[in-house]
């Protein structure tokens, strides 16, 4: 949406044209709606303000740098 200057509807239609079985969940669609509004209002996204990690925390995956460590 940001790099191609597309609206959410146009991006969603593009997705469905390429992968008709795709069905994003409502939470993800709400994030996209907020993202589109932020893009229209200022052109940039404040990551601190739009950080949904508090609502949906995801622990980072730790991959050891030593291949011998399991």
PDB file of N, CA and C in Angstrom:
ATOM      1  N   UNK A   1       0.829  -1.182   0.000  1.00  0.00           N
ATOM      2  CA  UNK A   1       0.000   0.000   0.000  1.00  0.00           C
ATOM      3  C   UNK A   1       0.877   1.250   0.000  1.00  0.00           C
ATOM      4  N   UNK A   2       1.917   1.214   0.795  1.00  0.00           N
ATOM      5  CA  UNK A   2       2.767   2.394   0.887  1.00  0.00           C
ATOM      6  C   UNK A   2       3.603   2.583  -0.373  1.00  0.00           C
ATOM      7  N   UNK A   3       4.258   1.544  -0.826  1.00  0.00           N
ATOM      8  CA  UNK A   3       5.202   1.684  -1.932  1.00  0.00           C
ATOM      9  C   UNK A   3       4.523   1.758  -3.294  1.00  0.00           C
ATOM     10  N   UNK A   4       3.356   1.145  -3.429  1.00  0.00           N
ATOM     11  CA  UNK A   4       2.633   1.185  -4.700  1.00  0.00           C
ATOM     12  C   UNK A   4       1.544   2.253  -4.702  1.00  0.00           C
ATOM     13  N   UNK A   5       1.395   2.956  -3.586  1.00  0.00           N
ATOM     14  CA  UNK A   5       0.393   4.014  -3.444  1.00  0.00           C
ATOM     15  C   UNK A   5      -1.008   3.494  -3.752  1.00  0.00           C
ATOM     16  N   UNK A   6      -1.294   2.301  -3.249  1.00  0.00           N
ATOM     17  CA  UNK A   6      -2.605   1.691  -3.456  1.00  0.00           C
ATOM     18  C   UNK A   6      -3.477   1.858  -2.220  1.00  0.00           C
ATOM     19  N   UNK A   7      -4.775   1.849  -2.442  1.00  0.00           N
ATOM     20  CA  UNK A   7      -5.712   1.857  -1.326  1.00  0.00           C
ATOM     21  C   UNK A   7      -5.819   0.442  -0.769  1.00  0.00           C
ATOM     22  N   UNK A   8      -6.421   0.332   0.385  1.00  0.00           N
ATOM     23  CA  UNK A   8      -6.626  -0.981   0.997  1.00  0.00           C
ATOM     24  C   UNK A   8      -7.495  -1.853   0.099  1.00  0.00           C
ATOM     25  N   UNK A   9      -8.530  -1.280  -0.467  1.00  0.00           N
ATOM     26  CA  UNK A   9      -9.428  -2.044  -1.339  1.00  0.00           C
ATOM     27  C   UNK A   9      -8.673  -2.569  -2.559  1.00  0.00           C
ATOM     28  N   UNK A  10      -7.856  -1.718  -3.169  1.00  0.00           N
ATOM     29  CA  UNK A  10      -7.103  -2.144  -4.347  1.00  0.00           C
ATOM     30  C   UNK A  10      -6.092  -3.237  -3.978  1.00  0.00           C
ATOM     31  N   UNK A  11      -5.433  -3.100  -2.842  1.00  0.00           N
ATOM     32  CA  UNK A  11      -4.471  -4.111  -2.397  1.00  0.00           C
ATOM     33  C   UNK A  11      -5.176  -5.428  -2.072  1.00  0.00           C
ATOM     34  N   UNK A  12      -6.341  -5.336  -1.444  1.00  0.00           N
ATOM     35  CA  UNK A  12      -7.108  -6.538  -1.107  1.00  0.00           C
ATOM     36  C   UNK A  12      -7.599  -7.241  -2.376  1.00  0.00           C
ATOM     37  N   UNK A  13      -8.079  -6.476  -3.343  1.00  0.00           N
ATOM     38  CA  UNK A  13      -8.500  -7.059  -4.623  1.00  0.00           C
ATOM     39  C   UNK A  13      -7.329  -7.730  -5.332  1.00  0.00           C
ATOM     40  N   UNK A  14      -6.165  -7.102  -5.285  1.00  0.00           N
ATOM     41  CA  UNK A  14      -4.961  -7.688  -5.883  1.00  0.00           C
ATOM     42  C   UNK A  14      -4.646  -9.027  -5.218  1.00  0.00           C
ATOM     43  N   UNK A  15      -4.737  -9.056  -3.896  1.00  0.00           N
ATOM     44  CA  UNK A  15      -4.488 -10.293  -3.153  1.00  0.00           C
ATOM     45  C   UNK A  15      -5.458 -11.390  -3.568  1.00  0.00           C
ATOM     46  N   UNK A  16      -6.741 -11.066  -3.640  1.00  0.00           N
ATOM     47  CA  UNK A  16      -7.746 -12.068  -3.999  1.00  0.00           C
ATOM     48  C   UNK A  16      -7.612 -12.527  -5.447  1.00  0.00           C
ATOM     49  N   UNK A  17      -7.154 -11.638  -6.329  1.00  0.00           N
ATOM     50  CA  UNK A  17      -6.905 -12.047  -7.716  1.00  0.00           C
ATOM     51  C   UNK A  17      -5.786 -13.073  -7.795  1.00  0.00           C
ATOM     52  N   UNK A  18      -4.774 -12.893  -6.955  1.00  0.00           N
ATOM     53  CA  UNK A  18      -3.616 -13.787  -6.987  1.00  0.00           C
ATOM     54  C   UNK A  18      -3.835 -15.057  -6.168  1.00  0.00           C
ATOM     55  N   UNK A  19      -4.626 -14.949  -5.099  1.00  0.00           N
ATOM     56  CA  UNK A  19      -4.839 -16.090  -4.204  1.00  0.00           C
ATOM     57  C   UNK A  19      -6.276 -16.053  -3.687  1.00  0.00           C
ATOM     58  N   UNK A  20      -7.223 -16.579  -4.446  1.00  0.00           N
ATOM     59  CA  UNK A  20      -8.646 -16.499  -4.091  1.00  0.00           C
ATOM     60  C   UNK A  20      -9.007 -17.169  -2.769  1.00  0.00           C
ATOM     61  N   UNK A  21      -8.223 -18.140  -2.334  1.00  0.00           N
ATOM     62  CA  UNK A  21      -8.541 -18.851  -1.098  1.00  0.00           C
ATOM     63  C   UNK A  21      -8.188 -18.033   0.153  1.00  0.00           C
ATOM     64  N   UNK A  22      -7.424 -16.980  -0.030  1.00  0.00           N
ATOM     65  CA  UNK A  22      -6.950 -16.170   1.087  1.00  0.00           C
ATOM     66  C   UNK A  22      -8.115 -15.467   1.785  1.00  0.00           C
ATOM     67  N   UNK A  23      -8.071 -15.470   3.119  1.00  0.00           N
ATOM     68  CA  UNK A  23      -9.099 -14.797   3.908  1.00  0.00           C
ATOM     69  C   UNK A  23      -8.463 -14.232   5.179  1.00  0.00           C
ATOM     70  N   UNK A  24      -7.920 -13.010   5.116  1.00  0.00           N
ATOM     71  CA  UNK A  24      -7.279 -12.420   6.293  1.00  0.00           C
ATOM     72  C   UNK A  24      -8.266 -12.279   7.449  1.00  0.00           C
ATOM     73  N   UNK A  25      -7.775 -12.505   8.672  1.00  0.00           N
ATOM     74  CA  UNK A  25      -8.666 -12.403   9.829  1.00  0.00           C
ATOM     75  C   UNK A  25      -9.003 -10.941  10.126  1.00  0.00           C
ATOM     76  N   UNK A  26     -10.015 -10.745  10.947  1.00  0.00           N
ATOM     77  CA  UNK A  26     -10.528  -9.398  11.208  1.00  0.00           C
ATOM     78  C   UNK A  26      -9.504  -8.517  11.911  1.00  0.00           C
ATOM     79  N   UNK A  27      -8.691  -9.087  12.790  1.00  0.00           N
ATOM     80  CA  UNK A  27      -7.668  -8.300  13.477  1.00  0.00           C
ATOM     81  C   UNK A  27      -6.646  -7.725  12.509  1.00  0.00           C
ATOM     82  N   UNK A  28      -6.231  -8.546  11.549  1.00  0.00           N
ATOM     83  CA  UNK A  28      -5.269  -8.087  10.546  1.00  0.00           C
ATOM     84  C   UNK A  28      -5.890  -7.011   9.661  1.00  0.00           C
ATOM     85  N   UNK A  29      -7.146  -7.189   9.294  1.00  0.00           N
ATOM     86  CA  UNK A  29      -7.819  -6.173   8.472  1.00  0.00           C
ATOM     87  C   UNK A  29      -7.940  -4.852   9.227  1.00  0.00           C
ATOM     88  N   UNK A  30      -8.191  -4.920  10.538  1.00  0.00           N
ATOM     89  CA  UNK A  30      -8.261  -3.689  11.335  1.00  0.00           C
ATOM     90  C   UNK A  30      -6.903  -2.988  11.358  1.00  0.00           C
ATOM     91  N   UNK A  31      -5.824  -3.756  11.455  1.00  0.00           N
ATOM     92  CA  UNK A  31      -4.487  -3.168  11.405  1.00  0.00           C
ATOM     93  C   UNK A  31      -4.258  -2.480  10.061  1.00  0.00           C
ATOM     94  N   UNK A  32      -4.703  -3.108   8.985  1.00  0.00           N
ATOM     95  CA  UNK A  32      -4.539  -2.512   7.658  1.00  0.00           C
ATOM     96  C   UNK A  32      -5.364  -1.239   7.508  1.00  0.00           C
ATOM     97  N   UNK A  33      -6.550  -1.217   8.089  1.00  0.00           N
ATOM     98  CA  UNK A  33      -7.385  -0.010   8.040  1.00  0.00           C
ATOM     99  C   UNK A  33      -6.694   1.134   8.773  1.00  0.00           C
ATOM    100  N   UNK A  34      -6.153   0.853   9.968  1.00  0.00           N
ATOM    101  CA  UNK A  34      -5.428   1.887  10.719  1.00  0.00           C
ATOM    102  C   UNK A  34      -4.186   2.343   9.953  1.00  0.00           C
ATOM    103  N   UNK A  35      -3.516   1.396   9.310  1.00  0.00           N
ATOM    104  CA  UNK A  35      -2.322   1.715   8.527  1.00  0.00           C
ATOM    105  C   UNK A  35      -2.675   2.632   7.357  1.00  0.00           C
ATOM    106  N   UNK A  36      -3.761   2.314   6.662  1.00  0.00           N
ATOM    107  CA  UNK A  36      -4.186   3.144   5.535  1.00  0.00           C
ATOM    108  C   UNK A  36      -4.546   4.550   6.007  1.00  0.00           C
ATOM    109  N   UNK A  37      -5.243   4.661   7.124  1.00  0.00           N
ATOM    110  CA  UNK A  37      -5.596   5.981   7.657  1.00  0.00           C
ATOM    111  C   UNK A  37      -4.351   6.776   8.007  1.00  0.00           C
ATOM    112  N   UNK A  38      -3.371   6.099   8.604  1.00  0.00           N
ATOM    113  CA  UNK A  38      -2.131   6.784   8.965  1.00  0.00           C
ATOM    114  C   UNK A  38      -1.383   7.245   7.719  1.00  0.00           C
ATOM    115  N   UNK A  39      -1.371   6.428   6.684  1.00  0.00           N
ATOM    116  CA  UNK A  39      -0.712   6.823   5.435  1.00  0.00           C
ATOM    117  C   UNK A  39      -1.401   8.027   4.813  1.00  0.00           C
ATOM    118  N   UNK A  40      -2.709   8.058   4.854  1.00  0.00           N
ATOM    119  CA  UNK A  40      -3.459   9.168   4.254  1.00  0.00           C
ATOM    120  C   UNK A  40      -3.301  10.450   5.055  1.00  0.00           C
ATOM    121  N   UNK A  41      -3.142  10.323   6.368  1.00  0.00           N
ATOM    122  CA  UNK A  41      -3.059  11.509   7.220  1.00  0.00           C
ATOM    123  C   UNK A  41      -1.694  12.173   7.217  1.00  0.00           C
ATOM    124  N   UNK A  42      -0.646  11.382   7.075  1.00  0.00           N
ATOM    125  CA  UNK A  42       0.658  12.022   7.155  1.00  0.00           C
ATOM    126  C   UNK A  42       1.721  11.415   6.275  1.00  0.00           C
ATOM    127  N   UNK A  43       1.434  10.284   5.706  1.00  0.00           N
ATOM    128  CA  UNK A  43       2.411   9.659   4.840  1.00  0.00           C
ATOM    129  C   UNK A  43       3.450   8.827   5.560  1.00  0.00           C
ATOM    130  N   UNK A  44       3.485   8.909   6.888  1.00  0.00           N
ATOM    131  CA  UNK A  44       4.427   8.090   7.643  1.00  0.00           C
ATOM    132  C   UNK A  44       3.689   7.403   8.772  1.00  0.00           C
ATOM    133  N   UNK A  45       4.286   6.353   9.273  1.00  0.00           N
ATOM    134  CA  UNK A  45       3.695   5.587  10.355  1.00  0.00           C
ATOM    135  C   UNK A  45       4.566   5.738  11.587  1.00  0.00           C
ATOM    136  N   UNK A  46       3.970   6.139  12.693  1.00  0.00           N
ATOM    137  CA  UNK A  46       4.675   6.199  13.962  1.00  0.00           C
ATOM    138  C   UNK A  46       4.609   4.814  14.590  1.00  0.00           C
ATOM    139  N   UNK A  47       5.718   4.104  14.563  1.00  0.00           N
ATOM    140  CA  UNK A  47       5.717   2.722  15.026  1.00  0.00           C
ATOM    141  C   UNK A  47       5.409   2.625  16.516  1.00  0.00           C
ATOM    142  N   UNK A  48       5.779   3.615  17.296  1.00  0.00           N
ATOM    143  CA  UNK A  48       5.470   3.582  18.723  1.00  0.00           C
ATOM    144  C   UNK A  48       3.965   3.684  18.949  1.00  0.00           C
ATOM    145  N   UNK A  49       3.306   4.537  18.204  1.00  0.00           N
ATOM    146  CA  UNK A  49       1.875   4.747  18.376  1.00  0.00           C
ATOM    147  C   UNK A  49       1.069   3.580  17.829  1.00  0.00           C
ATOM    148  N   UNK A  50       1.506   2.967  16.763  1.00  0.00           N
ATOM    149  CA  UNK A  50       0.759   1.895  16.124  1.00  0.00           C
ATOM    150  C   UNK A  50       1.327   0.522  16.434  1.00  0.00           C
ATOM    151  N   UNK A  51       1.981   0.398  17.564  1.00  0.00           N
ATOM    152  CA  UNK A  51       2.588  -0.870  17.946  1.00  0.00           C
ATOM    153  C   UNK A  51       1.531  -1.737  18.611  1.00  0.00           C
ATOM    154  N   UNK A  52       1.144  -2.815  17.954  1.00  0.00           N
ATOM    155  CA  UNK A  52       0.125  -3.706  18.493  1.00  0.00           C
ATOM    156  C   UNK A  52       0.722  -4.851  19.288  1.00  0.00           C
ATOM    157  N   UNK A  53       2.022  -4.784  19.590  1.00  0.00           N
ATOM    158  CA  UNK A  53       2.648  -5.853  20.354  1.00  0.00           C
ATOM    159  C   UNK A  53       2.038  -5.980  21.743  1.00  0.00           C
ATOM    160  N   UNK A  54       1.506  -4.895  22.276  1.00  0.00           N
ATOM    161  CA  UNK A  54       0.881  -4.961  23.594  1.00  0.00           C
ATOM    162  C   UNK A  54      -0.383  -5.807  23.539  1.00  0.00           C
ATOM    163  N   UNK A  55      -1.101  -5.737  22.437  1.00  0.00           N
ATOM    164  CA  UNK A  55      -2.329  -6.509  22.287  1.00  0.00           C
ATOM    165  C   UNK A  55      -2.042  -7.940  21.859  1.00  0.00           C
ATOM    166  N   UNK A  56      -1.074  -8.122  21.001  1.00  0.00           N
ATOM    167  CA  UNK A  56      -0.753  -9.436  20.446  1.00  0.00           C
ATOM    168  C   UNK A  56       0.743  -9.700  20.576  1.00  0.00           C
ATOM    169  N   UNK A  57       1.213  -9.956  21.800  1.00  0.00           N
ATOM    170  CA  UNK A  57       2.656 -10.147  21.963  1.00  0.00           C
ATOM    171  C   UNK A  57       3.143 -11.416  21.269  1.00  0.00           C
ATOM    172  N   UNK A  58       4.233 -11.280  20.569  1.00  0.00           N
ATOM    173  CA  UNK A  58       4.866 -12.415  19.904  1.00  0.00           C
ATOM    174  C   UNK A  58       6.308 -12.456  20.379  1.00  0.00           C
ATOM    175  N   UNK A  59       6.675 -13.574  20.967  1.00  0.00           N
ATOM    176  CA  UNK A  59       8.042 -13.704  21.444  1.00  0.00           C
ATOM    177  C   UNK A  59       8.968 -13.920  20.253  1.00  0.00           C
ATOM    178  N   UNK A  60      10.115 -13.227  20.246  1.00  0.00           N
ATOM    179  CA  UNK A  60      11.042 -13.401  19.129  1.00  0.00           C
ATOM    180  C   UNK A  60      11.648 -14.797  19.135  1.00  0.00           C
ATOM    181  N   UNK A  61      11.891 -15.301  17.960  1.00  0.00           N
ATOM    182  CA  UNK A  61      12.506 -16.605  17.801  1.00  0.00           C
ATOM    183  C   UNK A  61      14.003 -16.463  17.994  1.00  0.00           C
ATOM    184  N   UNK A  62      14.558 -17.270  18.903  1.00  0.00           N
ATOM    185  CA  UNK A  62      15.996 -17.226  19.149  1.00  0.00           C
ATOM    186  C   UNK A  62      16.656 -18.340  18.360  1.00  0.00           C
ATOM    187  N   UNK A  63      17.542 -17.959  17.467  1.00  0.00           N
ATOM    188  CA  UNK A  63      18.292 -18.930  16.677  1.00  0.00           C
ATOM    189  C   UNK A  63      19.751 -18.823  17.097  1.00  0.00           C
ATOM    190  N   UNK A  64      20.287 -19.892  17.692  1.00  0.00           N
ATOM    191  CA  UNK A  64      21.682 -19.832  18.141  1.00  0.00           C
ATOM    192  C   UNK A  64      22.638 -19.648  16.964  1.00  0.00           C
ATOM    193  N   UNK A  65      23.691 -18.883  17.201  1.00  0.00           N
ATOM    194  CA  UNK A  65      24.667 -18.652  16.137  1.00  0.00           C
ATOM    195  C   UNK A  65      25.600 -19.843  15.953  1.00  0.00           C
ATOM    196  N   UNK A  66      25.721 -20.685  16.982  1.00  0.00           N
ATOM    197  CA  UNK A  66      26.567 -21.876  16.900  1.00  0.00           C
ATOM    198  C   UNK A  66      25.727 -23.042  16.389  1.00  0.00           C
ATOM    199  N   UNK A  67      26.050 -23.620  15.225  1.00  0.00           N
ATOM    200  CA  UNK A  67      25.230 -24.705  14.673  1.00  0.00           C
ATOM    201  C   UNK A  67      25.253 -25.972  15.516  1.00  0.00           C
ATOM    202  N   UNK A  68      26.221 -26.102  16.430  1.00  0.00           N
ATOM    203  CA  UNK A  68      26.302 -27.288  17.280  1.00  0.00           C
ATOM    204  C   UNK A  68      25.389 -27.208  18.491  1.00  0.00           C
ATOM    205  N   UNK A  69      24.856 -26.032  18.772  1.00  0.00           N
ATOM    206  CA  UNK A  69      23.952 -25.850  19.906  1.00  0.00           C
ATOM    207  C   UNK A  69      22.552 -26.244  19.480  1.00  0.00           C
ATOM    208  N   UNK A  70      21.906 -27.053  20.305  1.00  0.00           N
ATOM    209  CA  UNK A  70      20.534 -27.480  19.974  1.00  0.00           C
ATOM    210  C   UNK A  70      19.533 -26.718  20.782  1.00  0.00           C
TER     211      UNK A  70
END
